[in-house]
PDB file of N, CA and C in Angstrom:
ATOM      1  N   VAL A   1     -40.633 -16.102  37.085  1.00  0.00           N
ATOM      2  CA  VAL A   1     -40.106 -17.355  37.713  1.00  0.00           C
ATOM      3  C   VAL A   1     -39.469 -17.329  39.127  1.00  0.00           C
ATOM      4  N   THR A   2     -39.912 -18.281  39.981  1.00  0.00           N
ATOM      5  CA  THR A   2     -39.346 -18.107  41.313  1.00  0.00           C
ATOM      6  C   THR A   2     -38.861 -19.472  41.644  1.00  0.00           C
ATOM      7  N   LEU A   3     -37.876 -19.544  42.463  1.00  0.00           N
ATOM      8  CA  LEU A   3     -37.341 -20.736  43.043  1.00  0.00           C
ATOM      9  C   LEU A   3     -37.564 -20.790  44.713  1.00  0.00           C
ATOM     10  N   ASP A   4     -38.246 -21.721  45.111  1.00  0.00           N
ATOM     11  CA  ASP A   4     -38.650 -21.706  46.633  1.00  0.00           C
ATOM     12  C   ASP A   4     -39.242 -20.429  46.976  1.00  0.00           C
ATOM     13  N   GLY A   5     -40.025 -19.772  45.984  1.00  0.00           N
ATOM     14  CA  GLY A   5     -40.696 -18.516  46.242  1.00  0.00           C
ATOM     15  C   GLY A   5     -39.827 -17.282  46.293  1.00  0.00           C
ATOM     16  N   ARG A   6     -38.504 -17.464  45.809  1.00  0.00           N
ATOM     17  CA  ARG A   6     -37.548 -16.286  45.537  1.00  0.00           C
ATOM     18  C   ARG A   6     -37.440 -16.051  44.144  1.00  0.00           C
ATOM     19  N   ASP A   7     -37.010 -14.780  43.861  1.00  0.00           N
ATOM     20  CA  ASP A   7     -36.356 -14.481  42.559  1.00  0.00           C
ATOM     21  C   ASP A   7     -35.122 -15.140  42.515  1.00  0.00           C
ATOM     22  N   PRO A   8     -34.794 -15.759  41.274  1.00  0.00           N
ATOM     23  CA  PRO A   8     -33.517 -16.567  41.033  1.00  0.00           C
ATOM     24  C   PRO A   8     -32.377 -15.702  41.280  1.00  0.00           C
ATOM     25  N   ALA A   9     -32.489 -14.322  40.935  1.00  0.00           N
ATOM     26  CA  ALA A   9     -31.422 -13.378  41.063  1.00  0.00           C
ATOM     27  C   ALA A   9     -30.836 -13.387  42.526  1.00  0.00           C
ATOM     28  N   GLU A  10     -31.899 -13.612  43.419  1.00  0.00           N
ATOM     29  CA  GLU A  10     -31.672 -13.306  44.798  1.00  0.00           C
ATOM     30  C   GLU A  10     -30.686 -14.567  45.422  1.00  0.00           C
ATOM     31  N   ILE A  11     -30.905 -15.667  44.792  1.00  0.00           N
ATOM     32  CA  ILE A  11     -30.140 -16.929  45.405  1.00  0.00           C
ATOM     33  C   ILE A  11     -28.826 -17.221  44.289  1.00  0.00           C
ATOM     34  N   GLY A  12     -28.624 -16.271  43.355  1.00  0.00           N
ATOM     35  CA  GLY A  12     -27.482 -16.650  42.507  1.00  0.00           C
ATOM     36  C   GLY A  12     -27.984 -17.774  41.397  1.00  0.00           C
ATOM     37  N   ALA A  13     -29.066 -18.128  40.996  1.00  0.00           N
ATOM     38  CA  ALA A  13     -29.416 -19.040  40.377  1.00  0.00           C
ATOM     39  C   ALA A  13     -29.155 -18.560  38.658  1.00  0.00           C
ATOM     40  N   ARG A  14     -28.702 -19.506  37.895  1.00  0.00           N
ATOM     41  CA  ARG A  14     -28.535 -19.070  36.476  1.00  0.00           C
ATOM     42  C   ARG A  14     -29.619 -19.615  35.670  1.00  0.00           C
ATOM     43  N   LEU A  15     -30.285 -18.597  34.988  1.00  0.00           N
ATOM     44  CA  LEU A  15     -31.207 -18.992  34.143  1.00  0.00           C
ATOM     45  C   LEU A  15     -30.538 -19.081  32.673  1.00  0.00           C
ATOM     46  N   ARG A  16     -31.157 -19.866  31.794  1.00  0.00           N
ATOM     47  CA  ARG A  16     -30.712 -20.025  30.341  1.00  0.00           C
ATOM     48  C   ARG A  16     -30.476 -18.447  29.938  1.00  0.00           C
ATOM     49  N   GLY A  17     -29.263 -18.260  29.438  1.00  0.00           N
ATOM     50  CA  GLY A  17     -28.778 -16.878  28.923  1.00  0.00           C
ATOM     51  C   GLY A  17     -28.645 -15.968  29.986  1.00  0.00           C
ATOM     52  N   GLY A  18     -28.577 -16.170  31.252  1.00  0.00           N
ATOM     53  CA  GLY A  18     -28.248 -15.324  32.256  1.00  0.00           C
ATOM     54  C   GLY A  18     -26.821 -15.328  32.603  1.00  0.00           C
ATOM     55  N   PRO A  19     -26.379 -14.506  33.645  1.00  0.00           N
ATOM     56  CA  PRO A  19     -24.919 -14.489  33.820  1.00  0.00           C
ATOM     57  C   PRO A  19     -24.454 -15.723  34.595  1.00  0.00           C
ATOM     58  N   PRO A  20     -23.180 -16.106  34.433  1.00  0.00           N
ATOM     59  CA  PRO A  20     -22.736 -17.426  35.157  1.00  0.00           C
ATOM     60  C   PRO A  20     -23.001 -17.130  36.611  1.00  0.00           C
ATOM     61  N   VAL A  21     -23.170 -18.261  37.263  1.00  0.00           N
ATOM     62  CA  VAL A  21     -23.095 -18.284  38.831  1.00  0.00           C
ATOM     63  C   VAL A  21     -21.853 -18.554  39.262  1.00  0.00           C
ATOM     64  N   THR A  22     -21.007 -17.732  40.098  1.00  0.00           N
ATOM     65  CA  THR A  22     -19.771 -18.026  40.508  1.00  0.00           C
ATOM     66  C   THR A  22     -19.778 -18.171  42.180  1.00  0.00           C
ATOM     67  N   GLY A  23     -18.897 -19.134  42.556  1.00  0.00           N
ATOM     68  CA  GLY A  23     -18.818 -19.330  43.956  1.00  0.00           C
ATOM     69  C   GLY A  23     -17.868 -18.382  44.522  1.00  0.00           C
ATOM     70  N   PRO A  24     -17.577 -18.584  45.786  1.00  0.00           N
ATOM     71  CA  PRO A  24     -16.442 -17.691  46.473  1.00  0.00           C
ATOM     72  C   PRO A  24     -15.134 -18.056  45.730  1.00  0.00           C
ATOM     73  N   ALA A  25     -14.145 -17.097  45.780  1.00  0.00           N
ATOM     74  CA  ALA A  25     -12.823 -17.140  45.344  1.00  0.00           C
ATOM     75  C   ALA A  25     -12.125 -18.357  46.065  1.00  0.00           C
ATOM     76  N   SER A  26     -10.955 -18.910  45.470  1.00  0.00           N
ATOM     77  CA  SER A  26     -10.302 -19.956  46.153  1.00  0.00           C
ATOM     78  C   SER A  26      -9.109 -19.359  46.759  1.00  0.00           C
ATOM     79  N   ILE A  27      -8.723 -19.888  47.829  1.00  0.00           N
ATOM     80  CA  ILE A  27      -7.643 -19.537  48.693  1.00  0.00           C
ATOM     81  C   ILE A  27      -6.480 -20.358  48.453  1.00  0.00           C
ATOM     82  N   ASP A  28      -5.302 -19.851  48.263  1.00  0.00           N
ATOM     83  CA  ASP A  28      -3.996 -20.629  47.885  1.00  0.00           C
ATOM     84  C   ASP A  28      -3.433 -21.018  48.959  1.00  0.00           C
ATOM     85  N   LEU A  29      -3.392 -22.396  49.456  1.00  0.00           N
ATOM     86  CA  LEU A  29      -2.532 -22.765  50.559  1.00  0.00           C
ATOM     87  C   LEU A  29      -1.212 -22.888  50.234  1.00  0.00           C
ATOM     88  N   LEU A  30      -0.269 -22.658  51.159  1.00  0.00           N
ATOM     89  CA  LEU A  30       1.163 -22.652  50.970  1.00  0.00           C
ATOM     90  C   LEU A  30       1.478 -24.103  51.543  1.00  0.00           C
ATOM     91  N   PRO A  31       2.709 -24.490  51.029  1.00  0.00           N
ATOM     92  CA  PRO A  31       3.372 -25.909  51.540  1.00  0.00           C
ATOM     93  C   PRO A  31       3.173 -25.905  53.076  1.00  0.00           C
ATOM     94  N   VAL A  32       2.955 -26.908  53.631  1.00  0.00           N
ATOM     95  CA  VAL A  32       2.956 -27.191  55.164  1.00  0.00           C
ATOM     96  C   VAL A  32       4.229 -27.253  55.342  1.00  0.00           C
ATOM     97  N   ARG A  33       4.792 -26.639  56.756  1.00  0.00           N
ATOM     98  CA  ARG A  33       6.125 -26.764  57.276  1.00  0.00           C
ATOM     99  C   ARG A  33       6.015 -27.436  58.386  1.00  0.00           C
ATOM    100  N   PRO A  34       7.133 -28.301  58.927  1.00  0.00           N
ATOM    101  CA  PRO A  34       7.096 -28.754  60.256  1.00  0.00           C
ATOM    102  C   PRO A  34       7.559 -27.762  61.249  1.00  0.00           C
ATOM    103  N   ALA A  35       6.885 -27.964  62.460  1.00  0.00           N
ATOM    104  CA  ALA A  35       7.157 -27.017  63.605  1.00  0.00           C
ATOM    105  C   ALA A  35       8.158 -27.639  64.517  1.00  0.00           C
ATOM    106  N   THR A  36       8.792 -26.865  65.450  1.00  0.00           N
ATOM    107  CA  THR A  36       9.919 -27.373  66.233  1.00  0.00           C
ATOM    108  C   THR A  36       9.243 -28.341  67.200  1.00  0.00           C
ATOM    109  N   ASP A  37       8.082 -28.126  67.549  1.00  0.00           N
ATOM    110  CA  ASP A  37       7.279 -28.851  68.734  1.00  0.00           C
ATOM    111  C   ASP A  37       6.671 -30.149  68.246  1.00  0.00           C
ATOM    112  N   GLY A  38       6.971 -30.415  66.911  1.00  0.00           N
ATOM    113  CA  GLY A  38       6.354 -31.725  66.321  1.00  0.00           C
ATOM    114  C   GLY A  38       4.883 -31.438  65.775  1.00  0.00           C
ATOM    115  N   GLY A  39       4.549 -30.259  65.687  1.00  0.00           N
ATOM    116  CA  GLY A  39       3.220 -29.780  65.124  1.00  0.00           C
ATOM    117  C   GLY A  39       3.595 -29.409  63.684  1.00  0.00           C
ATOM    118  N   LEU A  40       2.544 -28.710  63.163  1.00  0.00           N
ATOM    119  CA  LEU A  40       2.656 -28.187  61.677  1.00  0.00           C
ATOM    120  C   LEU A  40       2.398 -26.690  61.588  1.00  0.00           C
ATOM    121  N   GLU A  41       2.910 -26.114  60.811  1.00  0.00           N
ATOM    122  CA  GLU A  41       2.658 -24.689  60.439  1.00  0.00           C
ATOM    123  C   GLU A  41       2.028 -24.618  58.887  1.00  0.00           C
ATOM    124  N   LEU A  42       0.719 -24.229  58.990  1.00  0.00           N
ATOM    125  CA  LEU A  42      -0.117 -24.134  57.845  1.00  0.00           C
ATOM    126  C   LEU A  42      -0.105 -22.568  57.513  1.00  0.00           C
ATOM    127  N   GLY A  43       0.020 -22.246  56.167  1.00  0.00           N
ATOM    128  CA  GLY A  43      -0.015 -20.839  55.732  1.00  0.00           C
ATOM    129  C   GLY A  43      -0.832 -20.786  54.549  1.00  0.00           C
ATOM    130  N   TRP A  44      -1.366 -19.453  54.186  1.00  0.00           N
ATOM    131  CA  TRP A  44      -1.945 -19.405  52.804  1.00  0.00           C
ATOM    132  C   TRP A  44      -1.773 -17.833  52.443  1.00  0.00           C
ATOM    133  N   LYS A  45      -2.046 -17.635  51.212  1.00  0.00           N
ATOM    134  CA  LYS A  45      -1.994 -16.191  50.739  1.00  0.00           C
ATOM    135  C   LYS A  45      -3.225 -15.542  51.183  1.00  0.00           C
ATOM    136  N   ALA A  46      -2.762 -14.292  51.757  1.00  0.00           N
ATOM    137  CA  ALA A  46      -3.817 -13.547  52.474  1.00  0.00           C
ATOM    138  C   ALA A  46      -4.680 -12.943  51.148  1.00  0.00           C
ATOM    139  N   VAL A  47      -6.150 -12.898  51.638  1.00  0.00           N
ATOM    140  CA  VAL A  47      -7.120 -12.523  50.869  1.00  0.00           C
ATOM    141  C   VAL A  47      -7.538 -11.021  51.101  1.00  0.00           C
ATOM    142  N   ALA A  48      -7.431 -10.313  49.967  1.00  0.00           N
ATOM    143  CA  ALA A  48      -7.824  -8.949  49.872  1.00  0.00           C
ATOM    144  C   ALA A  48      -9.084  -8.688  50.524  1.00  0.00           C
ATOM    145  N   GLY A  49      -9.322  -7.863  51.559  1.00  0.00           N
ATOM    146  CA  GLY A  49     -10.902  -7.481  51.984  1.00  0.00           C
ATOM    147  C   GLY A  49     -11.117  -8.580  53.067  1.00  0.00           C
ATOM    148  N   ALA A  50     -10.219  -9.500  53.436  1.00  0.00           N
ATOM    149  CA  ALA A  50     -10.813 -10.452  54.729  1.00  0.00           C
ATOM    150  C   ALA A  50     -10.609  -9.825  55.962  1.00  0.00           C
ATOM    151  N   SER A  51     -11.468 -10.077  56.880  1.00  0.00           N
ATOM    152  CA  SER A  51     -11.314  -9.535  58.185  1.00  0.00           C
ATOM    153  C   SER A  51     -10.769 -10.629  59.139  1.00  0.00           C
ATOM    154  N   GLY A  52     -10.869 -11.880  58.587  1.00  0.00           N
ATOM    155  CA  GLY A  52     -10.611 -12.968  59.418  1.00  0.00           C
ATOM    156  C   GLY A  52     -10.572 -14.342  58.574  1.00  0.00           C
ATOM    157  N   TYR A  53     -10.113 -15.224  59.371  1.00  0.00           N
ATOM    158  CA  TYR A  53      -9.898 -16.551  58.746  1.00  0.00           C
ATOM    159  C   TYR A  53     -10.533 -17.594  59.693  1.00  0.00           C
ATOM    160  N   VAL A  54     -10.797 -18.734  59.067  1.00  0.00           N
ATOM    161  CA  VAL A  54     -11.406 -19.971  59.812  1.00  0.00           C
ATOM    162  C   VAL A  54     -10.634 -21.094  59.164  1.00  0.00           C
ATOM    163  N   VAL A  55     -10.086 -22.034  59.962  1.00  0.00           N
ATOM    164  CA  VAL A  55      -9.455 -23.204  59.644  1.00  0.00           C
ATOM    165  C   VAL A  55     -10.180 -24.275  60.190  1.00  0.00           C
ATOM    166  N   GLU A  56     -10.697 -25.154  59.262  1.00  0.00           N
ATOM    167  CA  GLU A  56     -11.259 -26.357  59.742  1.00  0.00           C
ATOM    168  C   GLU A  56     -10.539 -27.534  59.448  1.00  0.00           C
ATOM    169  N   VAL A  57     -10.322 -28.363  60.549  1.00  0.00           N
ATOM    170  CA  VAL A  57      -9.301 -29.568  60.327  1.00  0.00           C
ATOM    171  C   VAL A  57     -10.218 -30.999  60.803  1.00  0.00           C
ATOM    172  N   PHE A  58     -10.134 -31.768  59.852  1.00  0.00           N
ATOM    173  CA  PHE A  58     -10.958 -33.071  59.722  1.00  0.00           C
ATOM    174  C   PHE A  58     -10.089 -34.188  59.592  1.00  0.00           C
ATOM    175  N   SER A  59     -10.606 -35.210  60.074  1.00  0.00           N
ATOM    176  CA  SER A  59      -9.982 -36.654  60.050  1.00  0.00           C
ATOM    177  C   SER A  59     -10.341 -36.982  58.653  1.00  0.00           C
ATOM    178  N   GLY A  60      -9.660 -38.122  58.128  1.00  0.00           N
ATOM    179  CA  GLY A  60      -9.673 -38.627  56.877  1.00  0.00           C
ATOM    180  C   GLY A  60     -10.860 -39.180  56.694  1.00  0.00           C
ATOM    181  N   ASP A  61     -11.796 -39.493  57.758  1.00  0.00           N
ATOM    182  CA  ASP A  61     -13.033 -39.940  57.702  1.00  0.00           C
ATOM    183  C   ASP A  61     -14.147 -38.599  57.553  1.00  0.00           C
ATOM    184  N   LEU A  62     -13.610 -37.448  57.576  1.00  0.00           N
ATOM    185  CA  LEU A  62     -14.359 -36.284  57.485  1.00  0.00           C
ATOM    186  C   LEU A  62     -14.956 -35.906  58.860  1.00  0.00           C
ATOM    187  N   ASP A  63     -14.680 -36.563  60.071  1.00  0.00           N
ATOM    188  CA  ASP A  63     -15.127 -36.041  61.213  1.00  0.00           C
ATOM    189  C   ASP A  63     -14.337 -34.828  61.628  1.00  0.00           C
ATOM    190  N   THR A  64     -14.903 -33.743  62.108  1.00  0.00           N
ATOM    191  CA  THR A  64     -14.291 -32.474  62.469  1.00  0.00           C
ATOM    192  C   THR A  64     -13.280 -32.691  63.905  1.00  0.00           C
ATOM    193  N   LEU A  65     -12.293 -32.376  63.478  1.00  0.00           N
ATOM    194  CA  LEU A  65     -11.120 -32.501  64.676  1.00  0.00           C
ATOM    195  C   LEU A  65     -11.066 -31.207  65.536  1.00  0.00           C
ATOM    196  N   ALA A  66     -11.181 -30.131  64.548  1.00  0.00           N
ATOM    197  CA  ALA A  66     -11.041 -28.700  65.270  1.00  0.00           C
ATOM    198  C   ALA A  66     -11.520 -27.680  64.313  1.00  0.00           C
ATOM    199  N   VAL A  67     -11.928 -26.694  64.866  1.00  0.00           N
ATOM    200  CA  VAL A  67     -12.359 -25.349  64.134  1.00  0.00           C
ATOM    201  C   VAL A  67     -11.606 -24.276  64.914  1.00  0.00           C
ATOM    202  N   LEU A  68     -10.545 -23.688  64.165  1.00  0.00           N
ATOM    203  CA  LEU A  68      -9.626 -22.723  64.667  1.00  0.00           C
ATOM    204  C   LEU A  68     -10.157 -21.408  64.156  1.00  0.00           C
ATOM    205  N   ALA A  69     -10.702 -20.619  65.001  1.00  0.00           N
ATOM    206  CA  ALA A  69     -11.275 -19.166  64.681  1.00  0.00           C
ATOM    207  C   ALA A  69     -11.405 -18.295  66.030  1.00  0.00           C
ATOM    208  N   PRO A  70     -11.308 -17.076  65.899  1.00  0.00           N
ATOM    209  CA  PRO A  70     -10.998 -16.291  64.632  1.00  0.00           C
ATOM    210  C   PRO A  70      -9.499 -16.060  64.483  1.00  0.00           C
ATOM    211  N   LEU A  71      -9.072 -16.128  63.313  1.00  0.00           N
ATOM    212  CA  LEU A  71      -7.605 -15.932  63.031  1.00  0.00           C
ATOM    213  C   LEU A  71      -7.539 -14.601  62.183  1.00  0.00           C
ATOM    214  N   SER A  72      -6.570 -13.755  62.764  1.00  0.00           N
ATOM    215  CA  SER A  72      -6.473 -12.588  61.971  1.00  0.00           C
ATOM    216  C   SER A  72      -5.393 -12.496  60.889  1.00  0.00           C
ATOM    217  N   GLN A  73      -4.454 -13.462  60.943  1.00  0.00           N
ATOM    218  CA  GLN A  73      -3.307 -13.574  60.153  1.00  0.00           C
ATOM    219  C   GLN A  73      -3.488 -14.830  59.068  1.00  0.00           C
ATOM    220  N   PRO A  74      -2.743 -14.886  57.944  1.00  0.00           N
ATOM    221  CA  PRO A  74      -3.031 -16.053  57.098  1.00  0.00           C
ATOM    222  C   PRO A  74      -2.055 -17.241  57.363  1.00  0.00           C
ATOM    223  N   ALA A  75      -2.035 -17.665  58.692  1.00  0.00           N
ATOM    224  CA  ALA A  75      -1.087 -18.792  59.077  1.00  0.00           C
ATOM    225  C   ALA A  75      -1.904 -19.152  60.437  1.00  0.00           C
ATOM    226  N   VAL A  76      -1.510 -20.428  60.744  1.00  0.00           N
ATOM    227  CA  VAL A  76      -1.910 -21.057  61.929  1.00  0.00           C
ATOM    228  C   VAL A  76      -0.968 -22.161  62.497  1.00  0.00           C
ATOM    229  N   HIS A  77      -0.657 -22.465  63.782  1.00  0.00           N
ATOM    230  CA  HIS A  77       0.037 -23.457  64.145  1.00  0.00           C
ATOM    231  C   HIS A  77      -0.839 -24.695  64.542  1.00  0.00           C
ATOM    232  N   LEU A  78      -0.564 -25.877  64.030  1.00  0.00           N
ATOM    233  CA  LEU A  78      -1.338 -27.081  64.415  1.00  0.00           C
ATOM    234  C   LEU A  78      -0.674 -27.913  65.326  1.00  0.00           C
ATOM    235  N   LYS A  79      -1.067 -27.911  66.689  1.00  0.00           N
ATOM    236  CA  LYS A  79      -0.372 -28.467  67.743  1.00  0.00           C
ATOM    237  C   LYS A  79      -0.291 -29.976  67.341  1.00  0.00           C
ATOM    238  N   PRO A  80       0.821 -30.495  67.932  1.00  0.00           N
ATOM    239  CA  PRO A  80       1.093 -32.005  67.583  1.00  0.00           C
ATOM    240  C   PRO A  80      -0.054 -32.901  68.311  1.00  0.00           C
ATOM    241  N   GLU A  81      -0.669 -32.243  69.501  1.00  0.00           N
ATOM    242  CA  GLU A  81      -1.839 -33.082  70.264  1.00  0.00           C
ATOM    243  C   GLU A  81      -2.958 -33.341  69.128  1.00  0.00           C
ATOM    244  N   LEU A  82      -3.104 -32.315  68.560  1.00  0.00           N
ATOM    245  CA  LEU A  82      -4.287 -32.495  67.395  1.00  0.00           C
ATOM    246  C   LEU A  82      -3.901 -33.483  66.233  1.00  0.00           C
ATOM    247  N   LEU A  83      -2.746 -33.465  65.792  1.00  0.00           N
ATOM    248  CA  LEU A  83      -2.397 -34.248  64.887  1.00  0.00           C
ATOM    249  C   LEU A  83      -2.170 -35.719  65.150  1.00  0.00           C
ATOM    250  N   SER A  84      -2.077 -35.975  66.552  1.00  0.00           N
ATOM    251  CA  SER A  84      -1.688 -37.349  66.907  1.00  0.00           C
ATOM    252  C   SER A  84      -2.957 -37.982  67.635  1.00  0.00           C
ATOM    253  N   THR A  85      -4.123 -37.440  67.518  1.00  0.00           N
ATOM    254  CA  THR A  85      -5.303 -38.040  68.190  1.00  0.00           C
ATOM    255  C   THR A  85      -5.575 -39.443  67.340  1.00  0.00           C
ATOM    256  N   PRO A  86      -6.266 -40.375  67.946  1.00  0.00           N
ATOM    257  CA  PRO A  86      -6.629 -41.601  67.246  1.00  0.00           C
ATOM    258  C   PRO A  86      -7.567 -41.399  65.852  1.00  0.00           C
ATOM    259  N   ALA A  87      -8.391 -40.202  66.110  1.00  0.00           N
ATOM    260  CA  ALA A  87      -9.193 -40.010  64.887  1.00  0.00           C
ATOM    261  C   ALA A  87      -8.318 -39.379  63.631  1.00  0.00           C
ATOM    262  N   ALA A  88      -7.217 -38.985  63.927  1.00  0.00           N
ATOM    263  CA  ALA A  88      -6.210 -38.418  63.053  1.00  0.00           C
ATOM    264  C   ALA A  88      -5.468 -39.397  62.342  1.00  0.00           C
ATOM    265  N   ALA A  89      -5.456 -40.748  62.837  1.00  0.00           N
ATOM    266  CA  ALA A  89      -4.630 -41.795  62.225  1.00  0.00           C
ATOM    267  C   ALA A  89      -5.155 -42.225  60.722  1.00  0.00           C
ATOM    268  N   SER A  90      -6.205 -41.876  60.408  1.00  0.00           N
ATOM    269  CA  SER A  90      -6.893 -41.875  59.004  1.00  0.00           C
ATOM    270  C   SER A  90      -6.262 -40.742  58.169  1.00  0.00           C
ATOM    271  N   GLY A  91      -5.491 -39.795  58.700  1.00  0.00           N
ATOM    272  CA  GLY A  91      -5.131 -38.799  57.824  1.00  0.00           C
ATOM    273  C   GLY A  91      -5.851 -37.566  58.415  1.00  0.00           C
ATOM    274  N   VAL A  92      -5.178 -36.398  57.889  1.00  0.00           N
ATOM    275  CA  VAL A  92      -5.812 -35.127  58.342  1.00  0.00           C
ATOM    276  C   VAL A  92      -6.130 -34.309  57.178  1.00  0.00           C
ATOM    277  N   LEU A  93      -7.272 -33.588  57.082  1.00  0.00           N
ATOM    278  CA  LEU A  93      -7.465 -32.592  56.143  1.00  0.00           C
ATOM    279  C   LEU A  93      -7.831 -31.478  56.544  1.00  0.00           C
ATOM    280  N   VAL A  94      -7.508 -30.288  55.667  1.00  0.00           N
ATOM    281  CA  VAL A  94      -7.748 -28.917  56.344  1.00  0.00           C
ATOM    282  C   VAL A  94      -8.599 -28.103  55.154  1.00  0.00           C
ATOM    283  N   LYS A  95      -9.361 -27.218  55.763  1.00  0.00           N
ATOM    284  CA  LYS A  95     -10.080 -26.278  54.761  1.00  0.00           C
ATOM    285  C   LYS A  95      -9.989 -24.727  55.356  1.00  0.00           C
ATOM    286  N   VAL A  96      -9.578 -23.702  54.523  1.00  0.00           N
ATOM    287  CA  VAL A  96      -9.390 -22.439  55.002  1.00  0.00           C
ATOM    288  C   VAL A  96     -10.471 -21.607  54.622  1.00  0.00           C
ATOM    289  N   VAL A  97     -11.177 -20.629  55.231  1.00  0.00           N
ATOM    290  CA  VAL A  97     -12.296 -19.958  54.838  1.00  0.00           C
ATOM    291  C   VAL A  97     -11.901 -18.390  55.136  1.00  0.00           C
ATOM    292  N   ALA A  98     -12.019 -17.601  54.269  1.00  0.00           N
ATOM    293  CA  ALA A  98     -11.804 -16.034  54.411  1.00  0.00           C
ATOM    294  C   ALA A  98     -13.179 -15.468  54.758  1.00  0.00           C
ATOM    295  N   LEU A  99     -13.234 -14.660  55.874  1.00  0.00           N
ATOM    296  CA  LEU A  99     -14.370 -13.947  55.852  1.00  0.00           C
ATOM    297  C   LEU A  99     -14.365 -12.493  55.880  1.00  0.00           C
ATOM    298  N   ALA A 100     -15.234 -11.719  55.347  1.00  0.00           N
ATOM    299  CA  ALA A 100     -15.377 -10.097  55.391  1.00  0.00           C
ATOM    300  C   ALA A 100     -16.524 -10.040  56.370  1.00  0.00           C
ATOM    301  N   GLY A 101     -16.195  -9.664  57.608  1.00  0.00           N
ATOM    302  CA  GLY A 101     -17.357  -9.570  58.561  1.00  0.00           C
ATOM    303  C   GLY A 101     -18.017 -11.132  58.713  1.00  0.00           C
ATOM    304  N   ASP A 102     -19.225 -11.268  58.602  1.00  0.00           N
ATOM    305  CA  ASP A 102     -19.782 -12.567  58.628  1.00  0.00           C
ATOM    306  C   ASP A 102     -19.823 -13.152  57.356  1.00  0.00           C
ATOM    307  N   SER A 103     -19.723 -12.642  56.187  1.00  0.00           N
ATOM    308  CA  SER A 103     -19.788 -12.921  54.824  1.00  0.00           C
ATOM    309  C   SER A 103     -18.746 -13.759  54.409  1.00  0.00           C
ATOM    310  N   LEU A 104     -19.026 -15.012  53.589  1.00  0.00           N
ATOM    311  CA  LEU A 104     -17.992 -15.691  53.115  1.00  0.00           C
ATOM    312  C   LEU A 104     -17.241 -14.883  51.744  1.00  0.00           C
ATOM    313  N   LEU A 105     -16.157 -14.883  51.969  1.00  0.00           N
ATOM    314  CA  LEU A 105     -15.253 -14.205  50.784  1.00  0.00           C
ATOM    315  C   LEU A 105     -14.489 -15.103  49.862  1.00  0.00           C
ATOM    316  N   ALA A 106     -13.822 -16.142  50.534  1.00  0.00           N
ATOM    317  CA  ALA A 106     -13.134 -17.148  49.724  1.00  0.00           C
ATOM    318  C   ALA A 106     -12.903 -18.479  50.568  1.00  0.00           C
ATOM    319  N   ALA A 107     -12.705 -19.462  49.907  1.00  0.00           N
ATOM    320  CA  ALA A 107     -12.436 -20.831  50.635  1.00  0.00           C
ATOM    321  C   ALA A 107     -11.294 -21.558  49.932  1.00  0.00           C
ATOM    322  N   SER A 108     -10.809 -22.290  50.629  1.00  0.00           N
ATOM    323  CA  SER A 108      -9.632 -23.205  49.940  1.00  0.00           C
ATOM    324  C   SER A 108     -10.491 -24.441  49.772  1.00  0.00           C
ATOM    325  N   PRO A 109      -9.926 -25.330  48.776  1.00  0.00           N
ATOM    326  CA  PRO A 109     -10.474 -26.685  48.639  1.00  0.00           C
ATOM    327  C   PRO A 109      -9.906 -27.493  49.807  1.00  0.00           C
ATOM    328  N   LEU A 110     -10.731 -28.682  50.147  1.00  0.00           N
ATOM    329  CA  LEU A 110     -10.247 -29.494  51.212  1.00  0.00           C
ATOM    330  C   LEU A 110      -9.148 -30.151  50.858  1.00  0.00           C
ATOM    331  N   ARG A 111      -8.081 -30.252  51.757  1.00  0.00           N
ATOM    332  CA  ARG A 111      -6.768 -30.603  51.316  1.00  0.00           C
ATOM    333  C   ARG A 111      -5.966 -31.440  52.341  1.00  0.00           C
ATOM    334  N   PRO A 112      -5.342 -32.558  51.896  1.00  0.00           N
ATOM    335  CA  PRO A 112      -4.663 -33.428  52.973  1.00  0.00           C
ATOM    336  C   PRO A 112      -3.519 -32.502  53.434  1.00  0.00           C
ATOM    337  N   LEU A 113      -3.141 -32.762  54.834  1.00  0.00           N
ATOM    338  CA  LEU A 113      -1.915 -32.124  55.281  1.00  0.00           C
ATOM    339  C   LEU A 113      -0.856 -33.094  55.102  1.00  0.00           C
ATOM    340  N   THR A 114       0.037 -32.773  54.114  1.00  0.00           N
ATOM    341  CA  THR A 114       1.077 -33.534  53.993  1.00  0.00           C
ATOM    342  C   THR A 114       2.432 -32.680  53.818  1.00  0.00           C
ATOM    343  N   LEU A 115       3.556 -33.052  54.318  1.00  0.00           N
ATOM    344  CA  LEU A 115       4.963 -32.370  54.166  1.00  0.00           C
ATOM    345  C   LEU A 115       5.597 -32.666  52.909  1.00  0.00           C
ATOM    346  N   ARG A 116       5.960 -31.636  52.070  1.00  0.00           N
ATOM    347  CA  ARG A 116       6.578 -31.781  50.713  1.00  0.00           C
ATOM    348  C   ARG A 116       8.056 -31.546  50.915  1.00  0.00           C
TER     349      ARG A 116
END
């Protein structure tokens, strides 16, 4: 059996009775904290084996506002200028990705930025 000319095992497909297909591990985002300059501090639990992180920032309409990379620490400062753009008026969402070299190691779910 092939899928698109490839062995199903190559692309992680699950055949009946085969091992379950798993995606990347999930990154646990920490509560967002206000920064003294009016921005926000976003942090997450470090991922074992990660060589770096990428933070993707989206508007509520899912337009990309920023891609912050490469990050070596499990935290980033989101400047107030980014959060106060007209595109951000519909809300701001973030996603964090952990990389091991160029390979995806873990990802957070897309999450709205809210202070708790």
